[in-house]
Amino acid sequence: MDPITVFKGKSVSIPIPNIDTDQITPATYLKGTEKKLAHAFFRDWRLNPDGSPKDFPLNRPGAQGASILVPGDNYGCGSSREHAVWAMYDYGIRAVVSTSIADIHRNNCLKNGIIPILVDAETHRECLAAGEKNLEFEVDLPHQTLRLPSGKKATFPIDGFAKRCLIQGVDEMGYLKAFSVQVAAYEKGHDAVK
């Protein structure tokens, strides 16, 4: 994962509530543990069976390179598939802004380099409108703020440990490995006591 501190990113709105993980990454792509899944991100909504593009927000010219996704309420509901987050990350999404994100999906985002940003309904409406125009947002993870194109700032909650991992660009295992010298010293001292 890349470390995340402060970044600006183009937004894209998918103003549909209750988007489940089956739509984010269809079951066809759950057969492996390969995290290179950009091609699977909203595959059935983005592309026709022959691979030609559908009229879908991610396919519009202004949406190319978007890193901030603004979906409807209750994003990521359904099953707990981590593949949905892998596909989002590989596609280039680094933050998701909604009024609600399903718990398991939100935790999968945090563990895989994507900031789940929860905002109130009024702010969300403004974000959806800005995302329709693919406007740029600024995310400041250390200060837990989202700056909208209008200049409005919104604060968002985030777990302290997850925040530290995202800022350092490590997953939970990477965080623990950073303490390997201390663990080895403890183990050495602990063995000597026996």
N, C-alpha and C. Protein backbone atom coordinates (compact mmCIF):
# COMPACT_ATOMS: atom_id res chain seq x y z
N MET A 1 0.84 -1.18 0.00
CA MET A 1 0.00 0.00 0.00
C MET A 1 0.88 1.23 0.00
N ASP A 2 0.39 2.25 -0.65
CA ASP A 2 1.08 3.53 -0.62
C ASP A 2 0.65 4.28 0.64
N PRO A 3 1.60 5.00 1.28
CA PRO A 3 1.20 5.82 2.44
C PRO A 3 0.21 6.90 2.01
N ILE A 4 -0.72 7.24 2.89
CA ILE A 4 -1.70 8.28 2.61
C ILE A 4 -1.60 9.34 3.70
N THR A 5 -1.41 10.58 3.29
CA THR A 5 -1.46 11.69 4.25
C THR A 5 -2.49 12.70 3.75
N VAL A 6 -2.04 13.62 2.89
CA VAL A 6 -2.94 14.61 2.29
C VAL A 6 -2.87 14.42 0.79
N PHE A 7 -4.01 14.34 0.13
CA PHE A 7 -3.99 14.23 -1.32
C PHE A 7 -5.23 14.88 -1.92
N LYS A 8 -5.09 15.30 -3.16
CA LYS A 8 -6.21 15.82 -3.93
C LYS A 8 -6.55 14.79 -4.98
N GLY A 9 -7.84 14.60 -5.22
CA GLY A 9 -8.24 13.61 -6.20
C GLY A 9 -9.54 13.97 -6.88
N LYS A 10 -9.62 13.55 -8.12
CA LYS A 10 -10.85 13.73 -8.89
C LYS A 10 -11.92 12.79 -8.34
N SER A 11 -13.14 13.26 -8.32
CA SER A 11 -14.24 12.46 -7.78
C SER A 11 -15.13 11.92 -8.88
N VAL A 12 -15.84 10.85 -8.56
CA VAL A 12 -16.86 10.31 -9.45
C VAL A 12 -18.01 9.79 -8.59
N SER A 13 -19.23 10.15 -8.98
CA SER A 13 -20.42 9.74 -8.24
C SER A 13 -21.10 8.55 -8.90
N ILE A 14 -21.53 7.63 -8.06
CA ILE A 14 -22.43 6.56 -8.49
C ILE A 14 -23.61 6.67 -7.52
N PRO A 15 -24.59 7.52 -7.84
CA PRO A 15 -25.64 7.86 -6.88
C PRO A 15 -26.72 6.78 -6.71
N ILE A 16 -26.27 5.59 -6.38
CA ILE A 16 -27.17 4.46 -6.21
C ILE A 16 -27.01 3.95 -4.78
N PRO A 17 -28.10 3.84 -4.02
CA PRO A 17 -27.98 3.30 -2.66
C PRO A 17 -27.87 1.78 -2.67
N ASN A 18 -27.36 1.24 -1.58
CA ASN A 18 -27.30 -0.21 -1.35
C ASN A 18 -26.51 -0.97 -2.42
N ILE A 19 -25.42 -0.40 -2.86
CA ILE A 19 -24.56 -1.12 -3.82
C ILE A 19 -23.84 -2.21 -3.04
N ASP A 20 -24.07 -3.45 -3.44
CA ASP A 20 -23.46 -4.56 -2.70
C ASP A 20 -22.16 -5.02 -3.35
N THR A 21 -21.42 -5.80 -2.59
CA THR A 21 -20.10 -6.24 -3.04
C THR A 21 -20.19 -7.16 -4.25
N ASP A 22 -21.35 -7.79 -4.49
CA ASP A 22 -21.54 -8.61 -5.69
C ASP A 22 -21.49 -7.76 -6.95
N GLN A 23 -21.91 -6.50 -6.83
CA GLN A 23 -21.87 -5.59 -7.97
C GLN A 23 -20.48 -4.95 -8.11
N ILE A 24 -19.86 -4.65 -6.97
CA ILE A 24 -18.54 -4.03 -7.00
C ILE A 24 -17.54 -4.98 -7.66
N THR A 25 -17.58 -6.24 -7.29
CA THR A 25 -16.74 -7.27 -7.92
C THR A 25 -17.58 -8.54 -8.05
N PRO A 26 -18.02 -8.86 -9.26
CA PRO A 26 -18.86 -10.05 -9.47
C PRO A 26 -18.16 -11.34 -9.03
N ALA A 27 -18.97 -12.32 -8.67
CA ALA A 27 -18.48 -13.61 -8.15
C ALA A 27 -17.49 -14.31 -9.07
N THR A 28 -17.59 -14.07 -10.36
CA THR A 28 -16.68 -14.68 -11.33
C THR A 28 -15.22 -14.42 -11.00
N TYR A 29 -14.96 -13.30 -10.33
CA TYR A 29 -13.58 -12.88 -10.05
C TYR A 29 -13.10 -13.24 -8.66
N LEU A 30 -13.80 -14.14 -7.99
CA LEU A 30 -13.44 -14.50 -6.62
C LEU A 30 -12.63 -15.78 -6.52
N LYS A 31 -12.13 -16.26 -7.62
CA LYS A 31 -11.49 -17.57 -7.63
C LYS A 31 -10.05 -17.58 -7.13
N GLY A 32 -9.43 -16.42 -7.04
CA GLY A 32 -8.03 -16.39 -6.64
C GLY A 32 -7.77 -15.35 -5.57
N THR A 33 -6.50 -15.21 -5.26
CA THR A 33 -6.07 -14.23 -4.26
C THR A 33 -5.23 -13.13 -4.89
N GLU A 34 -5.27 -13.05 -6.20
CA GLU A 34 -4.55 -12.00 -6.93
C GLU A 34 -5.27 -10.68 -6.72
N LYS A 35 -4.53 -9.66 -6.30
CA LYS A 35 -5.14 -8.36 -6.00
C LYS A 35 -5.22 -7.44 -7.22
N LYS A 36 -4.76 -7.87 -8.36
CA LYS A 36 -4.83 -7.07 -9.58
C LYS A 36 -6.21 -7.30 -10.21
N LEU A 37 -7.19 -6.52 -9.76
CA LEU A 37 -8.57 -6.75 -10.16
C LEU A 37 -9.27 -5.50 -10.72
N ALA A 38 -8.51 -4.53 -11.20
CA ALA A 38 -9.13 -3.32 -11.75
C ALA A 38 -10.15 -3.67 -12.83
N HIS A 39 -9.84 -4.67 -13.63
CA HIS A 39 -10.75 -5.08 -14.71
C HIS A 39 -12.11 -5.58 -14.19
N ALA A 40 -12.15 -6.01 -12.92
CA ALA A 40 -13.37 -6.56 -12.34
C ALA A 40 -14.23 -5.51 -11.63
N PHE A 41 -13.68 -4.32 -11.41
CA PHE A 41 -14.38 -3.28 -10.67
C PHE A 41 -15.65 -2.87 -11.41
N PHE A 42 -16.80 -3.13 -10.80
CA PHE A 42 -18.11 -2.86 -11.41
C PHE A 42 -18.20 -3.44 -12.82
N ARG A 43 -17.60 -4.58 -13.05
CA ARG A 43 -17.51 -5.18 -14.39
C ARG A 43 -18.87 -5.26 -15.09
N ASP A 44 -19.87 -5.78 -14.41
CA ASP A 44 -21.16 -5.98 -15.05
C ASP A 44 -21.93 -4.67 -15.26
N TRP A 45 -21.62 -3.65 -14.49
CA TRP A 45 -22.26 -2.36 -14.66
C TRP A 45 -21.50 -1.49 -15.66
N ARG A 46 -20.19 -1.70 -15.78
CA ARG A 46 -19.36 -0.89 -16.67
C ARG A 46 -19.36 -1.38 -18.11
N LEU A 47 -19.39 -2.72 -18.28
CA LEU A 47 -19.16 -3.30 -19.60
C LEU A 47 -20.26 -4.27 -20.03
N ASN A 48 -20.50 -4.30 -21.32
CA ASN A 48 -21.39 -5.29 -21.91
C ASN A 48 -20.67 -6.63 -21.96
N PRO A 49 -21.39 -7.73 -22.20
CA PRO A 49 -20.74 -9.04 -22.29
C PRO A 49 -19.60 -9.10 -23.31
N ASP A 50 -19.70 -8.30 -24.38
CA ASP A 50 -18.63 -8.31 -25.39
C ASP A 50 -17.46 -7.39 -25.02
N GLY A 51 -17.53 -6.75 -23.84
CA GLY A 51 -16.45 -5.89 -23.38
C GLY A 51 -16.59 -4.42 -23.77
N SER A 52 -17.60 -4.10 -24.55
CA SER A 52 -17.81 -2.69 -24.93
C SER A 52 -18.39 -1.93 -23.73
N PRO A 53 -18.07 -0.64 -23.60
CA PRO A 53 -18.52 0.13 -22.43
C PRO A 53 -20.00 0.47 -22.46
N LYS A 54 -20.59 0.45 -21.28
CA LYS A 54 -21.97 0.89 -21.09
C LYS A 54 -21.95 2.36 -20.67
N ASP A 55 -23.13 2.98 -20.68
CA ASP A 55 -23.24 4.34 -20.15
C ASP A 55 -23.27 4.22 -18.62
N PHE A 56 -22.10 4.40 -18.03
CA PHE A 56 -21.92 4.23 -16.59
C PHE A 56 -20.96 5.32 -16.12
N PRO A 57 -21.15 5.85 -14.92
CA PRO A 57 -20.33 6.98 -14.46
C PRO A 57 -18.82 6.78 -14.60
N LEU A 58 -18.33 5.58 -14.35
CA LEU A 58 -16.88 5.35 -14.45
C LEU A 58 -16.37 5.38 -15.89
N ASN A 59 -17.27 5.23 -16.85
CA ASN A 59 -16.88 5.23 -18.26
C ASN A 59 -16.89 6.61 -18.90
N ARG A 60 -17.43 7.59 -18.22
CA ARG A 60 -17.51 8.93 -18.80
C ARG A 60 -16.12 9.56 -18.85
N PRO A 61 -15.83 10.34 -19.90
CA PRO A 61 -14.48 10.89 -20.08
C PRO A 61 -13.93 11.63 -18.86
N GLY A 62 -14.75 12.41 -18.18
CA GLY A 62 -14.27 13.16 -17.02
C GLY A 62 -13.91 12.31 -15.83
N ALA A 63 -14.38 11.07 -15.80
CA ALA A 63 -14.16 10.19 -14.65
C ALA A 63 -12.82 9.46 -14.70
N GLN A 64 -12.16 9.49 -15.84
CA GLN A 64 -10.89 8.76 -15.97
C GLN A 64 -9.88 9.30 -14.95
N GLY A 65 -9.29 8.40 -14.20
CA GLY A 65 -8.30 8.78 -13.19
C GLY A 65 -8.89 9.21 -11.86
N ALA A 66 -10.19 9.06 -11.69
CA ALA A 66 -10.82 9.43 -10.42
C ALA A 66 -10.28 8.55 -9.29
N SER A 67 -10.02 9.17 -8.15
CA SER A 67 -9.52 8.42 -6.99
C SER A 67 -10.46 8.52 -5.79
N ILE A 68 -11.53 9.31 -5.93
CA ILE A 68 -12.50 9.45 -4.84
C ILE A 68 -13.88 9.06 -5.36
N LEU A 69 -14.43 8.01 -4.77
CA LEU A 69 -15.72 7.49 -5.18
C LEU A 69 -16.80 8.01 -4.23
N VAL A 70 -17.90 8.51 -4.81
CA VAL A 70 -19.02 8.99 -4.00
C VAL A 70 -20.26 8.17 -4.38
N PRO A 71 -20.47 7.05 -3.68
CA PRO A 71 -21.66 6.23 -3.94
C PRO A 71 -22.84 6.67 -3.09
N GLY A 72 -24.00 6.02 -3.30
CA GLY A 72 -25.16 6.26 -2.47
C GLY A 72 -24.99 5.67 -1.08
N ASP A 73 -26.05 5.76 -0.28
CA ASP A 73 -26.03 5.25 1.10
C ASP A 73 -25.82 3.74 1.13
N ASN A 74 -25.28 3.27 2.25
CA ASN A 74 -25.12 1.84 2.51
C ASN A 74 -24.25 1.15 1.46
N TYR A 75 -23.14 1.78 1.14
CA TYR A 75 -22.22 1.24 0.14
C TYR A 75 -21.50 0.01 0.69
N GLY A 76 -21.33 -0.99 -0.16
CA GLY A 76 -20.57 -2.19 0.20
C GLY A 76 -21.33 -3.18 1.06
N CYS A 77 -22.65 -3.13 1.00
CA CYS A 77 -23.43 -4.09 1.77
C CYS A 77 -23.34 -5.47 1.11
N GLY A 78 -23.90 -6.46 1.74
CA GLY A 78 -23.86 -7.80 1.17
C GLY A 78 -22.77 -8.64 1.79
N SER A 79 -22.11 -9.41 0.99
CA SER A 79 -21.10 -10.34 1.50
C SER A 79 -19.83 -9.60 1.92
N SER A 80 -18.94 -10.33 2.55
CA SER A 80 -17.73 -9.72 3.11
C SER A 80 -16.53 -9.80 2.18
N ARG A 81 -16.75 -10.03 0.91
CA ARG A 81 -15.62 -10.27 0.00
C ARG A 81 -14.61 -9.12 -0.04
N GLU A 82 -13.39 -9.47 0.28
CA GLU A 82 -12.29 -8.50 0.24
C GLU A 82 -11.92 -8.16 -1.20
N HIS A 83 -12.27 -9.02 -2.13
CA HIS A 83 -11.99 -8.78 -3.54
C HIS A 83 -12.59 -7.46 -4.03
N ALA A 84 -13.72 -7.05 -3.45
CA ALA A 84 -14.35 -5.79 -3.85
C ALA A 84 -13.41 -4.62 -3.57
N VAL A 85 -12.75 -4.66 -2.43
CA VAL A 85 -11.81 -3.59 -2.07
C VAL A 85 -10.54 -3.71 -2.90
N TRP A 86 -10.07 -4.92 -3.14
CA TRP A 86 -8.88 -5.08 -3.99
C TRP A 86 -9.13 -4.48 -5.37
N ALA A 87 -10.32 -4.71 -5.92
CA ALA A 87 -10.65 -4.17 -7.25
C ALA A 87 -10.69 -2.65 -7.21
N MET A 88 -11.29 -2.08 -6.16
CA MET A 88 -11.35 -0.61 -6.04
C MET A 88 -9.94 -0.04 -5.97
N TYR A 89 -9.09 -0.63 -5.13
CA TYR A 89 -7.74 -0.12 -4.95
C TYR A 89 -6.95 -0.22 -6.26
N ASP A 90 -7.03 -1.36 -6.92
CA ASP A 90 -6.30 -1.54 -8.17
C ASP A 90 -6.81 -0.60 -9.26
N TYR A 91 -8.07 -0.24 -9.19
CA TYR A 91 -8.66 0.70 -10.15
C TYR A 91 -8.15 2.13 -9.91
N GLY A 92 -7.70 2.39 -8.68
CA GLY A 92 -7.17 3.72 -8.34
C GLY A 92 -7.96 4.47 -7.30
N ILE A 93 -9.00 3.86 -6.75
CA ILE A 93 -9.80 4.52 -5.72
C ILE A 93 -9.03 4.52 -4.40
N ARG A 94 -8.94 5.71 -3.77
CA ARG A 94 -8.23 5.84 -2.49
C ARG A 94 -9.12 6.33 -1.36
N ALA A 95 -10.34 6.78 -1.70
CA ALA A 95 -11.30 7.20 -0.68
C ALA A 95 -12.71 6.98 -1.19
N VAL A 96 -13.60 6.63 -0.27
CA VAL A 96 -15.03 6.45 -0.56
C VAL A 96 -15.79 7.36 0.38
N VAL A 97 -16.68 8.20 -0.17
CA VAL A 97 -17.43 9.17 0.62
C VAL A 97 -18.91 8.83 0.55
N SER A 98 -19.50 8.55 1.71
CA SER A 98 -20.93 8.23 1.76
C SER A 98 -21.46 8.54 3.16
N THR A 99 -22.78 8.42 3.31
CA THR A 99 -23.38 8.58 4.63
C THR A 99 -23.24 7.30 5.45
N SER A 100 -23.12 6.17 4.75
CA SER A 100 -22.96 4.90 5.44
C SER A 100 -22.24 3.91 4.52
N ILE A 101 -21.34 3.17 5.13
CA ILE A 101 -20.58 2.13 4.44
C ILE A 101 -20.70 0.89 5.31
N ALA A 102 -21.06 -0.23 4.72
CA ALA A 102 -21.24 -1.46 5.49
C ALA A 102 -19.99 -1.76 6.32
N ASP A 103 -20.20 -2.22 7.55
CA ASP A 103 -19.10 -2.40 8.50
C ASP A 103 -17.95 -3.24 7.97
N ILE A 104 -18.26 -4.41 7.46
CA ILE A 104 -17.18 -5.31 6.98
C ILE A 104 -16.47 -4.67 5.81
N HIS A 105 -17.21 -4.07 4.91
CA HIS A 105 -16.60 -3.41 3.75
C HIS A 105 -15.73 -2.24 4.20
N ARG A 106 -16.21 -1.47 5.15
CA ARG A 106 -15.43 -0.34 5.69
C ARG A 106 -14.12 -0.85 6.29
N ASN A 107 -14.18 -1.92 7.06
CA ASN A 107 -12.96 -2.47 7.66
C ASN A 107 -12.02 -3.02 6.59
N ASN A 108 -12.57 -3.64 5.54
CA ASN A 108 -11.73 -4.12 4.45
C ASN A 108 -11.04 -2.95 3.74
N CYS A 109 -11.76 -1.84 3.60
CA CYS A 109 -11.14 -0.64 3.01
C CYS A 109 -9.94 -0.19 3.84
N LEU A 110 -10.15 -0.07 5.13
CA LEU A 110 -9.08 0.38 6.03
C LEU A 110 -7.86 -0.52 5.97
N LYS A 111 -8.06 -1.81 5.81
CA LYS A 111 -6.95 -2.76 5.79
C LYS A 111 -6.26 -2.84 4.43
N ASN A 112 -6.83 -2.17 3.42
CA ASN A 112 -6.28 -2.29 2.07
C ASN A 112 -6.02 -0.95 1.38
N GLY A 113 -5.84 0.10 2.16
CA GLY A 113 -5.38 1.36 1.60
C GLY A 113 -6.44 2.30 1.07
N ILE A 114 -7.69 2.16 1.50
CA ILE A 114 -8.76 3.05 1.06
C ILE A 114 -9.39 3.68 2.30
N ILE A 115 -9.57 5.01 2.26
CA ILE A 115 -10.16 5.72 3.39
C ILE A 115 -11.68 5.76 3.24
N PRO A 116 -12.42 5.14 4.16
CA PRO A 116 -13.88 5.26 4.14
C PRO A 116 -14.27 6.53 4.89
N ILE A 117 -14.87 7.47 4.19
CA ILE A 117 -15.21 8.77 4.77
C ILE A 117 -16.73 8.86 4.94
N LEU A 118 -17.16 8.96 6.19
CA LEU A 118 -18.59 9.09 6.48
C LEU A 118 -18.93 10.56 6.71
N VAL A 119 -19.96 11.03 6.01
CA VAL A 119 -20.39 12.42 6.12
C VAL A 119 -21.90 12.46 6.36
N ASP A 120 -22.39 13.63 6.77
CA ASP A 120 -23.83 13.79 6.98
C ASP A 120 -24.54 13.89 5.64
N ALA A 121 -25.86 13.78 5.67
CA ALA A 121 -26.66 13.74 4.43
C ALA A 121 -26.50 14.99 3.58
N GLU A 122 -26.46 16.16 4.21
CA GLU A 122 -26.32 17.41 3.45
C GLU A 122 -24.97 17.47 2.74
N THR A 123 -23.91 17.12 3.45
CA THR A 123 -22.58 17.10 2.84
C THR A 123 -22.51 16.07 1.73
N HIS A 124 -23.16 14.94 1.96
CA HIS A 124 -23.17 13.87 0.96
C HIS A 124 -23.84 14.34 -0.33
N ARG A 125 -24.95 15.06 -0.20
CA ARG A 125 -25.62 15.59 -1.40
C ARG A 125 -24.68 16.51 -2.18
N GLU A 126 -23.94 17.34 -1.47
CA GLU A 126 -22.98 18.23 -2.13
C GLU A 126 -21.86 17.42 -2.80
N CYS A 127 -21.41 16.38 -2.13
CA CYS A 127 -20.37 15.52 -2.70
C CYS A 127 -20.86 14.80 -3.95
N LEU A 128 -22.09 14.29 -3.90
CA LEU A 128 -22.66 13.62 -5.08
C LEU A 128 -22.73 14.57 -6.27
N ALA A 129 -23.16 15.81 -6.02
CA ALA A 129 -23.25 16.80 -7.10
C ALA A 129 -21.88 17.12 -7.67
N ALA A 130 -20.89 17.26 -6.81
CA ALA A 130 -19.52 17.53 -7.26
C ALA A 130 -18.96 16.34 -8.02
N GLY A 131 -19.27 15.14 -7.54
CA GLY A 131 -18.80 13.92 -8.21
C GLY A 131 -19.40 13.73 -9.59
N GLU A 132 -20.62 14.22 -9.77
CA GLU A 132 -21.26 14.17 -11.10
C GLU A 132 -20.46 14.98 -12.12
N LYS A 133 -19.76 16.02 -11.63
CA LYS A 133 -18.96 16.88 -12.50
C LYS A 133 -17.48 16.51 -12.45
N ASN A 134 -17.17 15.45 -11.72
CA ASN A 134 -15.80 14.97 -11.55
C ASN A 134 -14.87 16.03 -10.98
N LEU A 135 -15.39 16.80 -10.02
CA LEU A 135 -14.59 17.85 -9.38
C LEU A 135 -13.62 17.24 -8.37
N GLU A 136 -12.63 18.05 -8.01
CA GLU A 136 -11.55 17.58 -7.14
C GLU A 136 -11.87 17.83 -5.67
N PHE A 137 -11.56 16.86 -4.84
CA PHE A 137 -11.68 16.96 -3.40
C PHE A 137 -10.27 16.89 -2.81
N GLU A 138 -10.13 17.36 -1.58
CA GLU A 138 -8.87 17.19 -0.85
C GLU A 138 -9.15 16.37 0.41
N VAL A 139 -8.37 15.32 0.59
CA VAL A 139 -8.48 14.48 1.77
C VAL A 139 -7.24 14.71 2.62
N ASP A 140 -7.44 15.05 3.88
CA ASP A 140 -6.36 15.25 4.84
C ASP A 140 -6.55 14.20 5.94
N LEU A 141 -5.85 13.09 5.79
CA LEU A 141 -6.02 12.00 6.75
C LEU A 141 -5.51 12.36 8.15
N PRO A 142 -4.31 12.97 8.29
CA PRO A 142 -3.87 13.31 9.65
C PRO A 142 -4.89 14.17 10.43
N HIS A 143 -5.55 15.11 9.75
CA HIS A 143 -6.53 15.97 10.41
C HIS A 143 -7.96 15.47 10.23
N GLN A 144 -8.12 14.36 9.52
CA GLN A 144 -9.42 13.73 9.30
C GLN A 144 -10.45 14.72 8.73
N THR A 145 -10.03 15.40 7.66
CA THR A 145 -10.93 16.35 7.01
C THR A 145 -11.02 16.07 5.52
N LEU A 146 -12.18 16.39 5.00
CA LEU A 146 -12.46 16.33 3.57
C LEU A 146 -12.82 17.74 3.14
N ARG A 147 -12.07 18.30 2.17
CA ARG A 147 -12.39 19.62 1.65
C ARG A 147 -13.09 19.45 0.31
N LEU A 148 -14.30 19.98 0.23
CA LEU A 148 -15.10 19.89 -0.98
C LEU A 148 -14.70 20.99 -1.97
N PRO A 149 -15.07 20.85 -3.23
CA PRO A 149 -14.74 21.88 -4.22
C PRO A 149 -15.25 23.27 -3.84
N SER A 150 -16.33 23.34 -3.08
CA SER A 150 -16.88 24.63 -2.65
C SER A 150 -16.03 25.30 -1.58
N GLY A 151 -15.08 24.55 -1.02
CA GLY A 151 -14.27 25.06 0.08
C GLY A 151 -14.75 24.56 1.43
N LYS A 152 -15.94 23.99 1.48
CA LYS A 152 -16.49 23.45 2.72
C LYS A 152 -15.60 22.32 3.22
N LYS A 153 -15.38 22.30 4.54
CA LYS A 153 -14.61 21.22 5.16
C LYS A 153 -15.54 20.36 5.99
N ALA A 154 -15.35 19.06 5.89
CA ALA A 154 -16.10 18.12 6.70
C ALA A 154 -15.11 17.22 7.43
N THR A 155 -15.35 16.99 8.70
CA THR A 155 -14.49 16.06 9.44
C THR A 155 -15.11 14.67 9.36
N PHE A 156 -14.27 13.66 9.49
CA PHE A 156 -14.78 12.29 9.45
C PHE A 156 -14.09 11.44 10.51
N PRO A 157 -14.80 10.44 11.03
CA PRO A 157 -14.22 9.56 12.04
C PRO A 157 -13.36 8.48 11.38
N ILE A 158 -12.37 8.01 12.11
CA ILE A 158 -11.56 6.88 11.65
C ILE A 158 -10.87 6.26 12.86
N ASP A 159 -10.77 4.96 12.86
CA ASP A 159 -10.10 4.23 13.93
C ASP A 159 -8.63 4.67 13.98
N GLY A 160 -8.13 4.94 15.19
CA GLY A 160 -6.76 5.43 15.36
C GLY A 160 -5.69 4.49 14.82
N PHE A 161 -5.83 3.20 15.08
CA PHE A 161 -4.83 2.24 14.60
C PHE A 161 -4.86 2.15 13.08
N ALA A 162 -6.06 2.10 12.50
CA ALA A 162 -6.17 2.05 11.05
C ALA A 162 -5.58 3.31 10.42
N LYS A 163 -5.83 4.44 11.03
CA LYS A 163 -5.28 5.71 10.54
C LYS A 163 -3.75 5.66 10.52
N ARG A 164 -3.17 5.17 11.60
CA ARG A 164 -1.70 5.06 11.67
C ARG A 164 -1.17 4.16 10.56
N CYS A 165 -1.83 3.03 10.35
CA CYS A 165 -1.39 2.11 9.29
C CYS A 165 -1.49 2.75 7.91
N LEU A 166 -2.59 3.45 7.64
CA LEU A 166 -2.77 4.11 6.34
C LEU A 166 -1.71 5.18 6.12
N ILE A 167 -1.42 5.97 7.15
CA ILE A 167 -0.40 7.02 7.03
C ILE A 167 0.97 6.40 6.76
N GLN A 168 1.25 5.27 7.40
CA GLN A 168 2.54 4.60 7.21
C GLN A 168 2.57 3.75 5.94
N GLY A 169 1.41 3.47 5.36
CA GLY A 169 1.34 2.65 4.15
C GLY A 169 1.61 1.18 4.41
N VAL A 170 1.15 0.71 5.57
CA VAL A 170 1.34 -0.70 5.92
C VAL A 170 0.00 -1.33 6.31
N ASP A 171 -0.08 -2.65 6.13
CA ASP A 171 -1.24 -3.35 6.65
C ASP A 171 -0.91 -3.78 8.08
N GLU A 172 -1.80 -4.54 8.71
CA GLU A 172 -1.59 -4.93 10.11
C GLU A 172 -0.31 -5.74 10.28
N MET A 173 -0.04 -6.65 9.33
CA MET A 173 1.17 -7.47 9.42
C MET A 173 2.41 -6.61 9.24
N GLY A 174 2.35 -5.67 8.31
CA GLY A 174 3.48 -4.75 8.10
C GLY A 174 3.76 -3.92 9.34
N TYR A 175 2.69 -3.51 10.02
CA TYR A 175 2.86 -2.74 11.26
C TYR A 175 3.59 -3.59 12.30
N LEU A 176 3.18 -4.84 12.46
CA LEU A 176 3.81 -5.72 13.44
C LEU A 176 5.27 -6.01 13.08
N LYS A 177 5.54 -6.18 11.78
CA LYS A 177 6.91 -6.47 11.34
C LYS A 177 7.86 -5.31 11.66
N ALA A 178 7.33 -4.11 11.76
CA ALA A 178 8.17 -2.95 12.10
C ALA A 178 8.76 -3.08 13.50
N PHE A 179 8.19 -3.96 14.31
CA PHE A 179 8.67 -4.16 15.67
C PHE A 179 9.47 -5.46 15.81
N SER A 180 9.94 -6.01 14.70
CA SER A 180 10.63 -7.31 14.75
C SER A 180 11.90 -7.27 15.59
N VAL A 181 12.62 -6.17 15.59
CA VAL A 181 13.85 -6.06 16.39
C VAL A 181 13.49 -6.12 17.88
N GLN A 182 12.47 -5.37 18.27
CA GLN A 182 12.04 -5.37 19.67
C GLN A 182 11.51 -6.75 20.09
N VAL A 183 10.76 -7.39 19.19
CA VAL A 183 10.22 -8.72 19.49
C VAL A 183 11.37 -9.72 19.66
N ALA A 184 12.36 -9.65 18.77
CA ALA A 184 13.51 -10.56 18.87
C ALA A 184 14.27 -10.34 20.17
N ALA A 185 14.43 -9.07 20.56
CA ALA A 185 15.13 -8.77 21.83
C ALA A 185 14.34 -9.30 23.01
N TYR A 186 13.03 -9.14 22.98
CA TYR A 186 12.19 -9.66 24.05
C TYR A 186 12.29 -11.18 24.12
N GLU A 187 12.19 -11.82 22.97
CA GLU A 187 12.27 -13.28 22.92
C GLU A 187 13.61 -13.78 23.44
N LYS A 188 14.66 -13.09 23.07
CA LYS A 188 15.99 -13.48 23.54
C LYS A 188 16.09 -13.37 25.05
N GLY A 189 15.60 -12.26 25.60
CA GLY A 189 15.60 -12.06 27.05
C GLY A 189 14.67 -13.04 27.75
N HIS A 190 13.55 -13.33 27.13
CA HIS A 190 12.58 -14.24 27.70
C HIS A 190 13.15 -15.66 27.76
N ASP A 191 13.85 -16.06 26.71
CA ASP A 191 14.47 -17.40 26.69
C ASP A 191 15.54 -17.50 27.78
N ALA A 192 16.27 -16.41 28.05
CA ALA A 192 17.33 -16.43 29.05
C ALA A 192 16.78 -16.62 30.47
N VAL A 193 15.57 -16.20 30.70
CA VAL A 193 14.94 -16.30 32.03
C VAL A 193 14.61 -17.76 32.35
N LYS A 194 14.27 -18.53 31.33
CA LYS A 194 13.88 -19.93 31.56
C LYS A 194 15.00 -20.67 32.13
